[in-house]
Amino acid sequence: MKIKKQLQKTVSRLVDLSFKDNKISESQVVRSIKALKSLPRAEAIISLSEYLRSLKRKEREHTLYIETTMPLAQSQIKKVKGIVEKKVKITKVLVNINADILGGFKLRVGDEIWDESVAGKIQQIKEAIGR
């Protein structure tokens, strides 16, 4: 079942209200969920699903994901965050250690990815030579 336009607008408005200074407001999320739960059952299920999906999507827009081969010092994380914040406000930073990238780093904010890893460079070379 597809979500109706008016209901979609309501869900979008509730998602916007659920963020204060680009951070999730837990009390507003609880109020939003209660409001959506009061809808008829079918609409409530669809609306709650869309609300949670949109909430996660909006949170990802302000979360910096850093992937490296070794742990970073807090000063390094702050430096990377400062550089990225010239483009977008960052409210959360998650660091993942991944030996598979061989070296370098990968950054992701929302849908944007900066791949400066050795594995990424190898993949670019493979694509360039047609393999």
N, C-alpha and C. Protein backbone atom coordinates (compact mmCIF):
# COMPACT_ATOMS: atom_id res chain seq x y z
N MET A 1 0.84 -1.18 0.00
CA MET A 1 0.00 0.00 0.00
C MET A 1 0.89 1.24 0.00
N LYS A 2 0.55 2.19 -0.83
CA LYS A 2 1.34 3.41 -0.98
C LYS A 2 0.83 4.49 -0.02
N ILE A 3 1.75 5.31 0.47
CA ILE A 3 1.38 6.38 1.39
C ILE A 3 0.74 7.54 0.62
N LYS A 4 -0.35 8.08 1.15
CA LYS A 4 -1.05 9.18 0.49
C LYS A 4 -0.24 10.46 0.62
N LYS A 5 -0.46 11.39 -0.35
CA LYS A 5 0.31 12.63 -0.38
C LYS A 5 0.19 13.43 0.91
N GLN A 6 -1.03 13.59 1.41
CA GLN A 6 -1.24 14.38 2.63
C GLN A 6 -0.53 13.74 3.81
N LEU A 7 -0.62 12.42 3.88
CA LEU A 7 0.04 11.69 4.96
C LEU A 7 1.56 11.81 4.82
N GLN A 8 2.06 11.78 3.59
CA GLN A 8 3.49 11.95 3.34
C GLN A 8 3.96 13.32 3.82
N LYS A 9 3.17 14.36 3.56
CA LYS A 9 3.52 15.70 4.02
C LYS A 9 3.57 15.75 5.54
N THR A 10 2.60 15.09 6.19
CA THR A 10 2.56 15.06 7.64
C THR A 10 3.80 14.36 8.19
N VAL A 11 4.14 13.23 7.60
CA VAL A 11 5.32 12.47 8.03
C VAL A 11 6.58 13.34 7.85
N SER A 12 6.69 14.00 6.72
CA SER A 12 7.86 14.86 6.46
C SER A 12 7.95 15.98 7.50
N ARG A 13 6.81 16.57 7.83
CA ARG A 13 6.78 17.63 8.83
C ARG A 13 7.21 17.09 10.20
N LEU A 14 6.72 15.90 10.53
CA LEU A 14 7.09 15.29 11.82
C LEU A 14 8.58 14.98 11.88
N VAL A 15 9.15 14.54 10.76
CA VAL A 15 10.59 14.28 10.71
C VAL A 15 11.36 15.58 10.94
N ASP A 16 10.95 16.64 10.28
CA ASP A 16 11.62 17.94 10.46
C ASP A 16 11.52 18.41 11.91
N LEU A 17 10.35 18.22 12.52
CA LEU A 17 10.16 18.63 13.91
C LEU A 17 10.97 17.76 14.88
N SER A 18 11.31 16.56 14.46
CA SER A 18 12.03 15.63 15.32
C SER A 18 13.52 15.96 15.45
N PHE A 19 13.98 16.95 14.70
CA PHE A 19 15.38 17.36 14.76
C PHE A 19 15.47 18.78 15.30
N LYS A 20 16.38 18.95 16.24
CA LYS A 20 16.67 20.28 16.77
C LYS A 20 18.19 20.44 16.68
N ASP A 21 18.64 21.46 16.01
CA ASP A 21 20.07 21.67 15.77
C ASP A 21 20.72 20.45 15.11
N ASN A 22 20.00 19.86 14.15
CA ASN A 22 20.45 18.69 13.40
C ASN A 22 20.66 17.45 14.26
N LYS A 23 20.09 17.43 15.45
CA LYS A 23 20.15 16.26 16.33
C LYS A 23 18.73 15.80 16.60
N ILE A 24 18.57 14.50 16.81
CA ILE A 24 17.24 13.95 17.08
C ILE A 24 16.79 14.35 18.47
N SER A 25 15.57 14.85 18.55
CA SER A 25 14.93 15.19 19.82
C SER A 25 14.07 14.00 20.23
N GLU A 26 14.52 13.29 21.26
CA GLU A 26 13.83 12.06 21.67
C GLU A 26 12.38 12.33 22.07
N SER A 27 12.13 13.42 22.77
CA SER A 27 10.76 13.72 23.21
C SER A 27 9.85 13.97 22.01
N GLN A 28 10.37 14.64 20.98
CA GLN A 28 9.56 14.90 19.79
C GLN A 28 9.31 13.61 19.01
N VAL A 29 10.28 12.71 18.99
CA VAL A 29 10.11 11.43 18.31
C VAL A 29 8.98 10.64 18.99
N VAL A 30 8.98 10.63 20.32
CA VAL A 30 7.93 9.92 21.07
C VAL A 30 6.56 10.52 20.74
N ARG A 31 6.47 11.86 20.72
CA ARG A 31 5.19 12.51 20.38
C ARG A 31 4.76 12.17 18.96
N SER A 32 5.70 12.15 18.04
CA SER A 32 5.39 11.85 16.64
C SER A 32 4.89 10.42 16.49
N ILE A 33 5.54 9.49 17.16
CA ILE A 33 5.13 8.09 17.08
C ILE A 33 3.74 7.91 17.66
N LYS A 34 3.47 8.56 18.78
CA LYS A 34 2.13 8.48 19.38
C LYS A 34 1.07 9.02 18.43
N ALA A 35 1.39 10.13 17.77
CA ALA A 35 0.43 10.72 16.82
C ALA A 35 0.17 9.78 15.65
N LEU A 36 1.22 9.17 15.13
CA LEU A 36 1.06 8.26 13.98
C LEU A 36 0.36 6.97 14.38
N LYS A 37 0.59 6.51 15.61
CA LYS A 37 -0.07 5.29 16.08
C LYS A 37 -1.58 5.47 16.21
N SER A 38 -2.04 6.70 16.35
CA SER A 38 -3.47 6.96 16.52
C SER A 38 -4.24 6.89 15.20
N LEU A 39 -3.53 6.80 14.10
CA LEU A 39 -4.18 6.69 12.78
C LEU A 39 -4.81 5.29 12.64
N PRO A 40 -5.72 5.14 11.66
CA PRO A 40 -6.24 3.79 11.38
C PRO A 40 -5.07 2.84 11.13
N ARG A 41 -5.24 1.59 11.51
CA ARG A 41 -4.16 0.60 11.54
C ARG A 41 -3.28 0.56 10.28
N ALA A 42 -3.89 0.44 9.11
CA ALA A 42 -3.11 0.34 7.86
C ALA A 42 -2.28 1.60 7.63
N GLU A 43 -2.90 2.77 7.83
CA GLU A 43 -2.19 4.04 7.64
C GLU A 43 -1.09 4.20 8.69
N ALA A 44 -1.37 3.75 9.91
CA ALA A 44 -0.38 3.86 10.99
C ALA A 44 0.87 3.05 10.66
N ILE A 45 0.69 1.85 10.18
CA ILE A 45 1.84 0.99 9.85
C ILE A 45 2.68 1.62 8.75
N ILE A 46 2.03 2.07 7.69
CA ILE A 46 2.74 2.67 6.57
C ILE A 46 3.44 3.97 7.02
N SER A 47 2.71 4.78 7.77
CA SER A 47 3.25 6.07 8.22
C SER A 47 4.43 5.89 9.16
N LEU A 48 4.32 4.95 10.10
CA LEU A 48 5.41 4.70 11.03
C LEU A 48 6.65 4.19 10.30
N SER A 49 6.45 3.32 9.33
CA SER A 49 7.58 2.81 8.54
C SER A 49 8.27 3.94 7.80
N GLU A 50 7.48 4.78 7.15
CA GLU A 50 8.04 5.91 6.40
C GLU A 50 8.71 6.91 7.33
N TYR A 51 8.10 7.15 8.49
CA TYR A 51 8.67 8.08 9.47
C TYR A 51 10.05 7.59 9.93
N LEU A 52 10.15 6.32 10.30
CA LEU A 52 11.42 5.79 10.77
C LEU A 52 12.48 5.77 9.67
N ARG A 53 12.06 5.42 8.45
CA ARG A 53 12.98 5.42 7.31
C ARG A 53 13.50 6.85 7.05
N SER A 54 12.61 7.82 7.08
CA SER A 54 13.00 9.22 6.83
C SER A 54 13.86 9.77 7.96
N LEU A 55 13.56 9.35 9.18
CA LEU A 55 14.35 9.78 10.33
C LEU A 55 15.80 9.29 10.20
N LYS A 56 15.97 8.04 9.83
CA LYS A 56 17.31 7.48 9.63
C LYS A 56 18.03 8.18 8.49
N ARG A 57 17.30 8.44 7.40
CA ARG A 57 17.90 9.11 6.24
C ARG A 57 18.41 10.49 6.62
N LYS A 58 17.59 11.24 7.37
CA LYS A 58 17.98 12.59 7.76
C LYS A 58 19.16 12.56 8.73
N GLU A 59 19.18 11.58 9.63
CA GLU A 59 20.30 11.47 10.56
C GLU A 59 21.59 11.18 9.82
N ARG A 60 21.54 10.33 8.78
CA ARG A 60 22.73 10.00 7.99
C ARG A 60 23.30 11.23 7.29
N GLU A 61 22.45 12.20 6.99
CA GLU A 61 22.92 13.41 6.31
C GLU A 61 23.89 14.21 7.17
N HIS A 62 23.88 13.98 8.50
CA HIS A 62 24.73 14.73 9.42
C HIS A 62 25.67 13.82 10.22
N THR A 63 25.85 12.59 9.73
CA THR A 63 26.74 11.64 10.37
C THR A 63 27.95 11.40 9.47
N LEU A 64 29.12 11.53 10.04
CA LEU A 64 30.37 11.30 9.32
C LEU A 64 30.84 9.88 9.64
N TYR A 65 30.95 9.06 8.60
CA TYR A 65 31.47 7.70 8.74
C TYR A 65 32.91 7.71 8.24
N ILE A 66 33.83 7.30 9.09
CA ILE A 66 35.24 7.24 8.72
C ILE A 66 35.65 5.77 8.74
N GLU A 67 36.26 5.32 7.65
CA GLU A 67 36.73 3.94 7.57
C GLU A 67 38.23 3.98 7.32
N THR A 68 38.99 3.35 8.22
CA THR A 68 40.45 3.32 8.10
C THR A 68 40.97 1.92 8.42
N THR A 69 42.27 1.73 8.24
CA THR A 69 42.87 0.44 8.55
C THR A 69 43.37 0.37 9.99
N MET A 70 43.49 1.52 10.63
CA MET A 70 43.97 1.54 12.01
C MET A 70 43.23 2.61 12.81
N PRO A 71 43.20 2.48 14.13
CA PRO A 71 42.49 3.47 14.95
C PRO A 71 43.06 4.87 14.77
N LEU A 72 42.19 5.86 14.86
CA LEU A 72 42.60 7.26 14.75
C LEU A 72 42.61 7.91 16.12
N ALA A 73 43.50 8.86 16.30
CA ALA A 73 43.53 9.65 17.53
C ALA A 73 42.37 10.66 17.48
N GLN A 74 41.93 11.09 18.65
CA GLN A 74 40.84 12.07 18.71
C GLN A 74 41.18 13.33 17.92
N SER A 75 42.45 13.74 17.96
CA SER A 75 42.85 14.94 17.23
C SER A 75 42.69 14.74 15.72
N GLN A 76 42.97 13.54 15.22
CA GLN A 76 42.79 13.24 13.80
C GLN A 76 41.31 13.26 13.42
N ILE A 77 40.49 12.68 14.28
CA ILE A 77 39.05 12.67 14.02
C ILE A 77 38.51 14.09 14.00
N LYS A 78 38.95 14.92 14.95
CA LYS A 78 38.50 16.32 15.00
C LYS A 78 38.92 17.07 13.73
N LYS A 79 40.13 16.80 13.26
CA LYS A 79 40.64 17.47 12.07
C LYS A 79 39.79 17.10 10.85
N VAL A 80 39.51 15.81 10.69
CA VAL A 80 38.68 15.35 9.57
C VAL A 80 37.29 15.97 9.67
N LYS A 81 36.72 15.95 10.86
CA LYS A 81 35.38 16.52 11.08
C LYS A 81 35.37 18.01 10.71
N GLY A 82 36.40 18.72 11.13
CA GLY A 82 36.50 20.15 10.82
C GLY A 82 36.53 20.43 9.33
N ILE A 83 37.26 19.59 8.60
CA ILE A 83 37.34 19.75 7.14
C ILE A 83 35.98 19.49 6.49
N VAL A 84 35.34 18.41 6.90
CA VAL A 84 34.05 18.04 6.32
C VAL A 84 32.97 19.06 6.70
N GLU A 85 33.06 19.64 7.91
CA GLU A 85 32.05 20.59 8.35
C GLU A 85 32.06 21.89 7.55
N LYS A 86 33.07 22.10 6.73
CA LYS A 86 33.05 23.26 5.84
C LYS A 86 31.96 23.09 4.80
N LYS A 87 31.57 21.83 4.58
CA LYS A 87 30.56 21.53 3.58
C LYS A 87 29.19 21.22 4.19
N VAL A 88 29.17 20.50 5.33
CA VAL A 88 27.91 20.09 5.96
C VAL A 88 28.10 19.99 7.47
N LYS A 89 27.07 20.32 8.24
CA LYS A 89 27.11 20.23 9.70
C LYS A 89 27.14 18.75 10.11
N ILE A 90 28.12 18.39 10.94
CA ILE A 90 28.27 17.02 11.42
C ILE A 90 27.88 16.97 12.89
N THR A 91 26.96 16.05 13.22
CA THR A 91 26.53 15.91 14.61
C THR A 91 26.98 14.60 15.24
N LYS A 92 27.44 13.68 14.41
CA LYS A 92 27.83 12.36 14.90
C LYS A 92 28.97 11.85 14.03
N VAL A 93 29.96 11.21 14.67
CA VAL A 93 31.09 10.63 13.94
C VAL A 93 31.20 9.16 14.33
N LEU A 94 31.24 8.30 13.34
CA LEU A 94 31.42 6.87 13.57
C LEU A 94 32.68 6.42 12.84
N VAL A 95 33.57 5.73 13.56
CA VAL A 95 34.82 5.26 12.98
C VAL A 95 34.79 3.74 12.91
N ASN A 96 35.16 3.21 11.75
CA ASN A 96 35.18 1.76 11.54
C ASN A 96 36.58 1.36 11.07
N ILE A 97 37.12 0.32 11.71
CA ILE A 97 38.43 -0.20 11.31
C ILE A 97 38.17 -1.33 10.31
N ASN A 98 38.78 -1.22 9.11
CA ASN A 98 38.57 -2.20 8.06
C ASN A 98 39.90 -2.46 7.33
N ALA A 99 40.49 -3.60 7.63
CA ALA A 99 41.78 -3.95 7.01
C ALA A 99 41.65 -4.19 5.51
N ASP A 100 40.45 -4.46 5.02
CA ASP A 100 40.24 -4.76 3.60
C ASP A 100 40.53 -3.57 2.69
N ILE A 101 40.54 -2.34 3.23
CA ILE A 101 40.82 -1.19 2.36
C ILE A 101 42.32 -1.00 2.14
N LEU A 102 43.14 -1.81 2.84
CA LEU A 102 44.60 -1.90 2.67
C LEU A 102 45.38 -0.69 3.16
N GLY A 103 44.85 0.48 3.10
CA GLY A 103 45.51 1.70 3.54
C GLY A 103 44.67 2.88 3.14
N GLY A 104 45.01 4.05 3.67
CA GLY A 104 44.22 5.24 3.36
C GLY A 104 42.94 5.29 4.18
N PHE A 105 41.90 5.89 3.59
CA PHE A 105 40.64 6.05 4.32
C PHE A 105 39.48 6.22 3.36
N LYS A 106 38.29 6.03 3.90
CA LYS A 106 37.05 6.32 3.19
C LYS A 106 36.21 7.18 4.11
N LEU A 107 35.59 8.20 3.55
CA LEU A 107 34.67 9.06 4.30
C LEU A 107 33.31 9.01 3.64
N ARG A 108 32.26 9.04 4.47
CA ARG A 108 30.91 9.08 3.90
C ARG A 108 30.04 9.98 4.77
N VAL A 109 29.32 10.87 4.11
CA VAL A 109 28.32 11.71 4.76
C VAL A 109 27.10 11.69 3.84
N GLY A 110 25.99 11.16 4.37
CA GLY A 110 24.80 11.04 3.53
C GLY A 110 25.10 10.16 2.33
N ASP A 111 24.89 10.69 1.14
CA ASP A 111 25.12 9.93 -0.09
C ASP A 111 26.50 10.18 -0.70
N GLU A 112 27.28 11.08 -0.09
CA GLU A 112 28.59 11.40 -0.64
C GLU A 112 29.67 10.51 -0.03
N ILE A 113 30.56 10.01 -0.89
CA ILE A 113 31.65 9.16 -0.44
C ILE A 113 32.96 9.70 -1.01
N TRP A 114 33.95 9.79 -0.15
CA TRP A 114 35.30 10.15 -0.57
C TRP A 114 36.15 8.91 -0.30
N ASP A 115 36.63 8.28 -1.35
CA ASP A 115 37.40 7.05 -1.21
C ASP A 115 38.86 7.32 -1.56
N GLU A 116 39.67 7.42 -0.53
CA GLU A 116 41.12 7.62 -0.70
C GLU A 116 41.86 6.40 -0.18
N SER A 117 41.21 5.24 -0.32
CA SER A 117 41.83 3.99 0.15
C SER A 117 42.65 3.36 -0.97
N VAL A 118 43.59 2.51 -0.57
CA VAL A 118 44.41 1.78 -1.55
C VAL A 118 43.50 0.86 -2.37
N ALA A 119 42.58 0.17 -1.70
CA ALA A 119 41.65 -0.73 -2.41
C ALA A 119 40.80 0.06 -3.41
N GLY A 120 40.40 1.27 -3.04
CA GLY A 120 39.62 2.12 -3.94
C GLY A 120 40.42 2.54 -5.16
N LYS A 121 41.69 2.87 -4.94
CA LYS A 121 42.56 3.26 -6.06
C LYS A 121 42.80 2.08 -7.00
N ILE A 122 42.97 0.89 -6.45
CA ILE A 122 43.14 -0.31 -7.28
C ILE A 122 41.89 -0.54 -8.12
N GLN A 123 40.73 -0.37 -7.51
CA GLN A 123 39.47 -0.54 -8.23
C GLN A 123 39.34 0.48 -9.36
N GLN A 124 39.75 1.72 -9.11
CA GLN A 124 39.71 2.76 -10.14
C GLN A 124 40.61 2.40 -11.31
N ILE A 125 41.79 1.86 -11.00
CA ILE A 125 42.71 1.47 -12.07
C ILE A 125 42.13 0.32 -12.88
N LYS A 126 41.53 -0.67 -12.20
CA LYS A 126 40.89 -1.79 -12.91
C LYS A 126 39.82 -1.29 -13.86
N GLU A 127 38.99 -0.35 -13.38
CA GLU A 127 37.92 0.19 -14.22
C GLU A 127 38.49 0.96 -15.40
N ALA A 128 39.60 1.67 -15.17
CA ALA A 128 40.20 2.48 -16.23
C ALA A 128 40.78 1.62 -17.35
N ILE A 129 41.32 0.45 -16.99
CA ILE A 129 41.92 -0.41 -18.02
C ILE A 129 40.92 -1.44 -18.54
N GLY A 130 39.69 -1.39 -18.02
CA GLY A 130 38.62 -2.21 -18.57
C GLY A 130 38.56 -3.64 -18.07
N ARG A 131 38.92 -3.88 -16.87
CA ARG A 131 38.85 -5.25 -16.31
C ARG A 131 37.70 -5.38 -15.39
